[in-house]
Amino acid sequence: MGHRALVAYRRSDRLYDLRYSHWGGESLSFADRISADTPYADGAIERDVLTDSITRDRILTDYLDPCVHEALYLVTPAAEYAVDSFRVCWLEWAGGWDSGRGAVVAVEPADDRALRVWFRSTKTALADVVEMGALSRRAARAYLEARICDDLDAAVYTYDDVPATDPDRTSASMADRWFETGKRDREDQTCGPDAADSNPEPDALDETDATDATDGTDRIDDEDWPG
């Protein structure tokens, strides 16, 4: 269980070091919690890297499983730990576990609920249309991709490393879990990113990159990314 997120820290060479958070996708609170004093959000982000020196587009295709992860954060230590937050949208429905088609949507925390409601409503309506036989699943997905790109300026991608069997991908409670707006708040659960910090903050990360965000190493250039 959990609300999984990936957090990428931009390096001075314009590549990224990628880390994991088990609860970072529940809300987009890391946009406010990551800073020079707390680069790992008081222990809510794991200190061990998943991978280092990775390009931004490879984060999507090699690590950001849209059926499992709910959020992505890009952190720029050289810009006073500025954080760009993204919602991850799985462009499939239950049963389509072999599909790694997803989208990332740039969103401010204050607008996150509206995004989730929009996507849930649109996706649910399309599922009903498919169920009634009026559209094929493929046509419905193509329409969903077009809408999310046109309405939300999303970046659509394909996660290439879809495992043959993975309980995280075949659990109905995992897929699209962030649709459940505010459920954990209503249940007053105490576990999550606000739990006690068991990992002291390390020294500040590399802050030497004062260049702009244009990155020639990325196949998905800045103009193709949302936001």
C-alpha atoms as a PDB file:
ATOM      1  CA  MET A   1       0.000   0.000   0.000  1.00  0.00           C
ATOM      2  CA  GLY A   2       1.021   3.613   0.048  1.00  0.00           C
ATOM      3  CA  HIS A   3       0.879   6.604  -2.279  1.00  0.00           C
ATOM      4  CA  ARG A   4       4.095   6.317  -4.193  1.00  0.00           C
ATOM      5  CA  ALA A   5       6.082   9.145  -5.733  1.00  0.00           C
ATOM      6  CA  LEU A   6       9.456   9.682  -7.362  1.00  0.00           C
ATOM      7  CA  VAL A   7      11.592  12.709  -6.541  1.00  0.00           C
ATOM      8  CA  ALA A   8      14.314  13.779  -8.985  1.00  0.00           C
ATOM      9  CA  TYR A   9      17.074  16.186  -7.947  1.00  0.00           C
ATOM     10  CA  ARG A  10      18.738  18.104 -10.732  1.00  0.00           C
ATOM     11  CA  ARG A  11      22.529  17.971 -10.737  1.00  0.00           C
ATOM     12  CA  SER A  12      25.088  20.475 -11.973  1.00  0.00           C
ATOM     13  CA  ASP A  13      25.512  18.399 -15.162  1.00  0.00           C
ATOM     14  CA  ARG A  14      21.766  18.767 -15.877  1.00  0.00           C
ATOM     15  CA  LEU A  15      21.085  15.101 -15.156  1.00  0.00           C
ATOM     16  CA  TYR A  16      19.063  13.877 -12.174  1.00  0.00           C
ATOM     17  CA  ASP A  17      19.458  11.735  -9.080  1.00  0.00           C
ATOM     18  CA  LEU A  18      16.240   9.833  -8.490  1.00  0.00           C
ATOM     19  CA  ARG A  19      14.753   8.921  -5.106  1.00  0.00           C
ATOM     20  CA  TYR A  20      11.584   7.257  -3.869  1.00  0.00           C
ATOM     21  CA  SER A  21       8.858   8.233  -1.410  1.00  0.00           C
ATOM     22  CA  HIS A  22       6.226   5.776  -0.229  1.00  0.00           C
ATOM     23  CA  TRP A  23       3.676   8.450   0.739  1.00  0.00           C
ATOM     24  CA  GLY A  24       4.678  11.411  -1.424  1.00  0.00           C
ATOM     25  CA  GLY A  25       1.811  10.878  -3.860  1.00  0.00           C
ATOM     26  CA  GLU A  26      -0.944  11.244  -1.282  1.00  0.00           C
ATOM     27  CA  SER A  27      -0.908  14.997  -1.701  1.00  0.00           C
ATOM     28  CA  LEU A  28       1.556  17.335  -3.356  1.00  0.00           C
ATOM     29  CA  SER A  29       2.876  18.602  -0.039  1.00  0.00           C
ATOM     30  CA  PHE A  30       6.517  18.099  -1.034  1.00  0.00           C
ATOM     31  CA  ALA A  31       6.202  21.278  -3.097  1.00  0.00           C
ATOM     32  CA  ASP A  32       6.273  23.126   0.243  1.00  0.00           C
ATOM     33  CA  ARG A  33       8.219  20.659   2.384  1.00  0.00           C
ATOM     34  CA  ILE A  34      11.408  20.354   0.331  1.00  0.00           C
ATOM     35  CA  SER A  35      13.938  23.102   1.030  1.00  0.00           C
ATOM     36  CA  ALA A  36      17.655  23.649   1.550  1.00  0.00           C
ATOM     37  CA  ASP A  37      17.184  22.802   5.237  1.00  0.00           C
ATOM     38  CA  THR A  38      15.001  19.753   4.545  1.00  0.00           C
ATOM     39  CA  PRO A  39      15.968  18.434   1.086  1.00  0.00           C
ATOM     40  CA  TYR A  40      14.349  15.074   1.845  1.00  0.00           C
ATOM     41  CA  ALA A  41      11.179  16.432   3.462  1.00  0.00           C
ATOM     42  CA  ASP A  42      12.082  15.443   7.020  1.00  0.00           C
ATOM     43  CA  GLY A  43      12.765  11.825   6.074  1.00  0.00           C
ATOM     44  CA  ALA A  44       9.666  11.284   3.934  1.00  0.00           C
ATOM     45  CA  ILE A  45      11.936  10.788   0.913  1.00  0.00           C
ATOM     46  CA  GLU A  46      14.407   7.931   1.010  1.00  0.00           C
ATOM     47  CA  ARG A  47      18.051   8.997   1.078  1.00  0.00           C
ATOM     48  CA  ASP A  48      19.249   6.068  -1.038  1.00  0.00           C
ATOM     49  CA  VAL A  49      19.084   6.786  -4.750  1.00  0.00           C
ATOM     50  CA  LEU A  50      17.158   4.576  -7.150  1.00  0.00           C
ATOM     51  CA  THR A  51      19.531   5.692  -9.870  1.00  0.00           C
ATOM     52  CA  ASP A  52      21.824   8.611 -10.558  1.00  0.00           C
ATOM     53  CA  SER A  53      22.913  10.601 -13.606  1.00  0.00           C
ATOM     54  CA  ILE A  54      19.641   9.952 -15.421  1.00  0.00           C
ATOM     55  CA  THR A  55      18.013  12.145 -18.067  1.00  0.00           C
ATOM     56  CA  ARG A  56      14.564  13.509 -17.459  1.00  0.00           C
ATOM     57  CA  ASP A  57      12.844  11.544 -20.209  1.00  0.00           C
ATOM     58  CA  ARG A  58      14.345   8.278 -18.947  1.00  0.00           C
ATOM     59  CA  ILE A  59      12.757   8.907 -15.561  1.00  0.00           C
ATOM     60  CA  LEU A  60       9.425   8.513 -17.335  1.00  0.00           C
ATOM     61  CA  THR A  61      10.196   5.591 -19.601  1.00  0.00           C
ATOM     62  CA  ASP A  62      12.373   3.573 -17.202  1.00  0.00           C
ATOM     63  CA  TYR A  63      11.114   4.335 -13.686  1.00  0.00           C
ATOM     64  CA  LEU A  64       7.768   6.167 -13.513  1.00  0.00           C
ATOM     65  CA  ASP A  65       5.222   3.349 -13.741  1.00  0.00           C
ATOM     66  CA  PRO A  66       1.876   5.138 -14.206  1.00  0.00           C
ATOM     67  CA  CYS A  67      -0.002   2.184 -12.755  1.00  0.00           C
ATOM     68  CA  VAL A  68       1.986   2.362  -9.517  1.00  0.00           C
ATOM     69  CA  HIS A  69       3.256   5.913  -8.976  1.00  0.00           C
ATOM     70  CA  GLU A  70       0.965   8.842  -8.284  1.00  0.00           C
ATOM     71  CA  ALA A  71       3.277  11.859  -8.358  1.00  0.00           C
ATOM     72  CA  LEU A  72       6.599  13.095  -9.660  1.00  0.00           C
ATOM     73  CA  TYR A  73       8.658  15.974  -8.275  1.00  0.00           C
ATOM     74  CA  LEU A  74      11.550  17.725 -10.002  1.00  0.00           C
ATOM     75  CA  VAL A  75      13.786  19.564  -7.553  1.00  0.00           C
ATOM     76  CA  THR A  76      16.364  22.180  -8.552  1.00  0.00           C
ATOM     77  CA  PRO A  77      18.816  22.739  -5.663  1.00  0.00           C
ATOM     78  CA  ALA A  78      20.596  25.515  -7.592  1.00  0.00           C
ATOM     79  CA  ALA A  79      17.354  27.519  -7.643  1.00  0.00           C
ATOM     80  CA  GLU A  80      16.864  27.480  -3.869  1.00  0.00           C
ATOM     81  CA  TYR A  81      15.320  24.012  -4.052  1.00  0.00           C
ATOM     82  CA  ALA A  82      12.508  25.031  -6.345  1.00  0.00           C
ATOM     83  CA  VAL A  83      10.053  22.144  -6.775  1.00  0.00           C
ATOM     84  CA  ASP A  84       7.917  21.371  -9.816  1.00  0.00           C
ATOM     85  CA  SER A  85       5.131  18.931  -8.956  1.00  0.00           C
ATOM     86  CA  PHE A  86       3.359  16.612 -11.389  1.00  0.00           C
ATOM     87  CA  ARG A  87       0.414  14.265 -11.131  1.00  0.00           C
ATOM     88  CA  VAL A  88       0.859  10.902 -12.827  1.00  0.00           C
ATOM     89  CA  CYS A  89      -2.184   9.697 -14.779  1.00  0.00           C
ATOM     90  CA  TRP A  90      -2.587   6.084 -15.899  1.00  0.00           C
ATOM     91  CA  LEU A  91      -4.211   6.054 -19.330  1.00  0.00           C
ATOM     92  CA  GLU A  92      -5.776   2.613 -18.974  1.00  0.00           C
ATOM     93  CA  TRP A  93      -8.511   0.889 -17.006  1.00  0.00           C
ATOM     94  CA  ALA A  94      -8.685  -2.140 -14.718  1.00  0.00           C
ATOM     95  CA  GLY A  95      -7.605  -5.184 -16.686  1.00  0.00           C
ATOM     96  CA  GLY A  96      -5.108  -3.296 -18.812  1.00  0.00           C
ATOM     97  CA  TRP A  97      -2.195  -4.203 -16.573  1.00  0.00           C
ATOM     98  CA  ASP A  98       0.149  -4.792 -19.502  1.00  0.00           C
ATOM     99  CA  SER A  99      -0.130  -1.153 -20.577  1.00  0.00           C
ATOM    100  CA  GLY A 100       2.485   1.352 -19.483  1.00  0.00           C
ATOM    101  CA  ARG A 101       0.832   4.341 -21.120  1.00  0.00           C
ATOM    102  CA  GLY A 102       0.738   7.348 -18.832  1.00  0.00           C
ATOM    103  CA  ALA A 103       0.870  11.118 -18.615  1.00  0.00           C
ATOM    104  CA  VAL A 104       2.393  13.692 -16.281  1.00  0.00           C
ATOM    105  CA  VAL A 105       0.509  16.909 -15.579  1.00  0.00           C
ATOM    106  CA  ALA A 106       2.126  19.934 -13.966  1.00  0.00           C
ATOM    107  CA  VAL A 107      -0.081  21.140 -11.133  1.00  0.00           C
ATOM    108  CA  GLU A 108       0.113  23.397  -8.104  1.00  0.00           C
ATOM    109  CA  PRO A 109      -1.003  21.831  -4.798  1.00  0.00           C
ATOM    110  CA  ALA A 110      -3.985  24.209  -4.617  1.00  0.00           C
ATOM    111  CA  ASP A 111      -5.248  22.921  -7.983  1.00  0.00           C
ATOM    112  CA  ASP A 112      -4.582  19.242  -7.340  1.00  0.00           C
ATOM    113  CA  ARG A 113      -8.107  18.293  -6.276  1.00  0.00           C
ATOM    114  CA  ALA A 114      -9.671  19.913  -9.345  1.00  0.00           C
ATOM    115  CA  LEU A 115      -7.285  17.953 -11.579  1.00  0.00           C
ATOM    116  CA  ARG A 116      -8.098  14.679  -9.876  1.00  0.00           C
ATOM    117  CA  VAL A 117     -11.845  15.268 -10.118  1.00  0.00           C
ATOM    118  CA  TRP A 118     -11.570  16.164 -13.810  1.00  0.00           C
ATOM    119  CA  PHE A 119      -9.516  13.107 -14.678  1.00  0.00           C
ATOM    120  CA  ARG A 120     -11.658  10.755 -12.649  1.00  0.00           C
ATOM    121  CA  SER A 121     -14.874  12.049 -14.202  1.00  0.00           C
ATOM    122  CA  THR A 122     -13.530  11.876 -17.743  1.00  0.00           C
ATOM    123  CA  LYS A 123     -12.038   8.425 -17.320  1.00  0.00           C
ATOM    124  CA  THR A 124     -15.132   7.022 -15.607  1.00  0.00           C
ATOM    125  CA  ALA A 125     -17.410   8.360 -18.345  1.00  0.00           C
ATOM    126  CA  LEU A 126     -15.216   6.769 -21.014  1.00  0.00           C
ATOM    127  CA  ALA A 127     -15.254   3.450 -19.144  1.00  0.00           C
ATOM    128  CA  ASP A 128     -19.056   3.520 -19.230  1.00  0.00           C
ATOM    129  CA  VAL A 129     -19.038   4.233 -22.960  1.00  0.00           C
ATOM    130  CA  VAL A 130     -16.682   1.303 -23.552  1.00  0.00           C
ATOM    131  CA  GLU A 131     -18.839  -0.948 -21.381  1.00  0.00           C
ATOM    132  CA  MET A 132     -21.892  -0.049 -23.474  1.00  0.00           C
ATOM    133  CA  GLY A 133     -20.034  -0.993 -26.641  1.00  0.00           C
ATOM    134  CA  ALA A 134     -20.076   2.480 -28.166  1.00  0.00           C
ATOM    135  CA  LEU A 135     -16.276   2.772 -28.246  1.00  0.00           C
ATOM    136  CA  SER A 136     -13.398   0.325 -28.297  1.00  0.00           C
ATOM    137  CA  ARG A 137     -10.900   0.500 -25.460  1.00  0.00           C
ATOM    138  CA  ARG A 138      -8.266   1.690 -27.924  1.00  0.00           C
ATOM    139  CA  ALA A 139     -10.464   4.512 -29.209  1.00  0.00           C
ATOM    140  CA  ALA A 140     -11.361   5.542 -25.659  1.00  0.00           C
ATOM    141  CA  ARG A 141      -7.706   5.717 -24.686  1.00  0.00           C
ATOM    142  CA  ALA A 142      -6.869   7.783 -27.759  1.00  0.00           C
ATOM    143  CA  TYR A 143      -9.641  10.212 -26.824  1.00  0.00           C
ATOM    144  CA  LEU A 144      -8.434  10.348 -23.203  1.00  0.00           C
ATOM    145  CA  GLU A 145      -4.891  11.108 -24.366  1.00  0.00           C
ATOM    146  CA  ALA A 146      -6.124  13.878 -26.637  1.00  0.00           C
ATOM    147  CA  ARG A 147      -8.218  15.442 -23.880  1.00  0.00           C
ATOM    148  CA  ILE A 148      -5.497  15.351 -21.250  1.00  0.00           C
ATOM    149  CA  CYS A 149      -3.007  16.907 -23.674  1.00  0.00           C
ATOM    150  CA  ASP A 150      -5.378  19.601 -24.948  1.00  0.00           C
ATOM    151  CA  ASP A 151      -7.080  20.465 -21.647  1.00  0.00           C
ATOM    152  CA  LEU A 152      -4.215  19.972 -19.189  1.00  0.00           C
ATOM    153  CA  ASP A 153      -1.090  20.387 -21.340  1.00  0.00           C
ATOM    154  CA  ALA A 154       0.124  16.954 -20.235  1.00  0.00           C
ATOM    155  CA  ALA A 155       3.178  15.069 -21.461  1.00  0.00           C
ATOM    156  CA  VAL A 156       2.171  11.560 -22.550  1.00  0.00           C
ATOM    157  CA  TYR A 157       4.722   8.748 -22.360  1.00  0.00           C
ATOM    158  CA  THR A 158       5.084   4.976 -22.358  1.00  0.00           C
ATOM    159  CA  TYR A 159       6.687   3.232 -19.424  1.00  0.00           C
ATOM    160  CA  ASP A 160       8.778   0.545 -21.096  1.00  0.00           C
ATOM    161  CA  ASP A 161       9.632  -1.748 -18.202  1.00  0.00           C
ATOM    162  CA  VAL A 162       6.188  -3.282 -17.577  1.00  0.00           C
ATOM    163  CA  PRO A 163       6.763  -6.471 -15.512  1.00  0.00           C
ATOM    164  CA  ALA A 164       5.067  -9.710 -16.469  1.00  0.00           C
ATOM    165  CA  THR A 165       3.689 -10.184 -12.956  1.00  0.00           C
ATOM    166  CA  ASP A 166       3.658  -7.582 -10.230  1.00  0.00           C
ATOM    167  CA  PRO A 167       1.103  -7.452  -7.390  1.00  0.00           C
ATOM    168  CA  ASP A 168       1.352  -3.644  -7.357  1.00  0.00           C
ATOM    169  CA  ARG A 169       0.086  -3.506 -10.940  1.00  0.00           C
ATOM    170  CA  THR A 170      -2.680  -6.086 -10.534  1.00  0.00           C
ATOM    171  CA  SER A 171      -4.178  -4.730  -7.327  1.00  0.00           C
ATOM    172  CA  ALA A 172      -7.458  -2.954  -7.983  1.00  0.00           C
ATOM    173  CA  SER A 173      -6.819  -0.858  -4.891  1.00  0.00           C
ATOM    174  CA  MET A 174      -3.542   0.448  -6.352  1.00  0.00           C
ATOM    175  CA  ALA A 175      -4.621   1.607  -9.798  1.00  0.00           C
ATOM    176  CA  ASP A 176      -5.888   5.198  -9.823  1.00  0.00           C
ATOM    177  CA  ARG A 177      -5.773   5.257  -5.996  1.00  0.00           C
ATOM    178  CA  TRP A 178      -5.327   9.018  -5.928  1.00  0.00           C
ATOM    179  CA  PHE A 179      -8.886   9.262  -7.241  1.00  0.00           C
ATOM    180  CA  GLU A 180      -9.969   8.722  -3.640  1.00  0.00           C
ATOM    181  CA  THR A 181      -9.830  12.418  -2.841  1.00  0.00           C
ATOM    182  CA  GLY A 182      -9.291  13.102   0.825  1.00  0.00           C
ATOM    183  CA  LYS A 183     -10.136   9.563   1.916  1.00  0.00           C
ATOM    184  CA  ARG A 184      -7.170   9.176   4.228  1.00  0.00           C
ATOM    185  CA  ASP A 185      -7.822  12.600   5.746  1.00  0.00           C
ATOM    186  CA  ARG A 186     -11.407  11.634   6.496  1.00  0.00           C
ATOM    187  CA  GLU A 187     -10.258   8.389   8.098  1.00  0.00           C
ATOM    188  CA  ASP A 188      -7.790  10.361  10.238  1.00  0.00           C
ATOM    189  CA  GLN A 189      -4.886   8.005   9.652  1.00  0.00           C
ATOM    190  CA  THR A 190      -1.570   8.995  11.144  1.00  0.00           C
ATOM    191  CA  CYS A 191       0.923   7.093   8.997  1.00  0.00           C
ATOM    192  CA  GLY A 192       2.487   8.777   5.985  1.00  0.00           C
ATOM    193  CA  PRO A 193       4.850  11.603   5.245  1.00  0.00           C
ATOM    194  CA  ASP A 194       4.236  13.291   8.573  1.00  0.00           C
ATOM    195  CA  ALA A 195       5.520  10.315  10.534  1.00  0.00           C
ATOM    196  CA  ALA A 196       8.552  10.828  12.745  1.00  0.00           C
ATOM    197  CA  ASP A 197      11.828  11.340  10.884  1.00  0.00           C
ATOM    198  CA  SER A 198      14.106   8.350  11.295  1.00  0.00           C
ATOM    199  CA  ASN A 199      16.684   9.718   8.844  1.00  0.00           C
ATOM    200  CA  PRO A 200      18.619  12.868   9.746  1.00  0.00           C
ATOM    201  CA  GLU A 201      18.963  15.346   6.936  1.00  0.00           C
ATOM    202  CA  PRO A 202      22.263  15.057   5.024  1.00  0.00           C
ATOM    203  CA  ASP A 203      24.393  17.936   3.934  1.00  0.00           C
ATOM    204  CA  ALA A 204      22.872  20.215   1.325  1.00  0.00           C
ATOM    205  CA  LEU A 205      22.762  18.842  -2.194  1.00  0.00           C
ATOM    206  CA  ASP A 206      24.695  20.206  -5.155  1.00  0.00           C
ATOM    207  CA  GLU A 207      23.726  23.821  -5.693  1.00  0.00           C
ATOM    208  CA  THR A 208      26.279  24.730  -8.364  1.00  0.00           C
ATOM    209  CA  ASP A 209      23.985  24.623 -11.413  1.00  0.00           C
ATOM    210  CA  ALA A 210      22.958  28.178 -12.193  1.00  0.00           C
ATOM    211  CA  THR A 211      22.037  27.394 -15.819  1.00  0.00           C
ATOM    212  CA  ASP A 212      18.536  27.521 -17.208  1.00  0.00           C
ATOM    213  CA  ALA A 213      16.416  24.397 -17.470  1.00  0.00           C
ATOM    214  CA  THR A 214      17.031  23.783 -21.201  1.00  0.00           C
ATOM    215  CA  ASP A 215      18.575  20.312 -21.303  1.00  0.00           C
ATOM    216  CA  GLY A 216      20.028  19.045 -24.557  1.00  0.00           C
ATOM    217  CA  THR A 217      20.353  15.540 -23.117  1.00  0.00           C
ATOM    218  CA  ASP A 218      16.586  15.096 -22.866  1.00  0.00           C
ATOM    219  CA  ARG A 219      14.549  13.789 -25.775  1.00  0.00           C
ATOM    220  CA  ILE A 220      11.474  15.293 -24.116  1.00  0.00           C
ATOM    221  CA  ASP A 221      12.524  18.933 -24.222  1.00  0.00           C
ATOM    222  CA  ASP A 222      11.215  21.720 -22.031  1.00  0.00           C
ATOM    223  CA  GLU A 223       8.625  22.804 -24.556  1.00  0.00           C
ATOM    224  CA  ASP A 224       7.194  19.265 -24.563  1.00  0.00           C
ATOM    225  CA  TRP A 225       6.880  19.092 -20.777  1.00  0.00           C
ATOM    226  CA  PRO A 226       3.781  20.408 -19.050  1.00  0.00           C
ATOM    227  CA  GLY A 227       4.011  23.679 -17.191  1.00  0.00           C
END
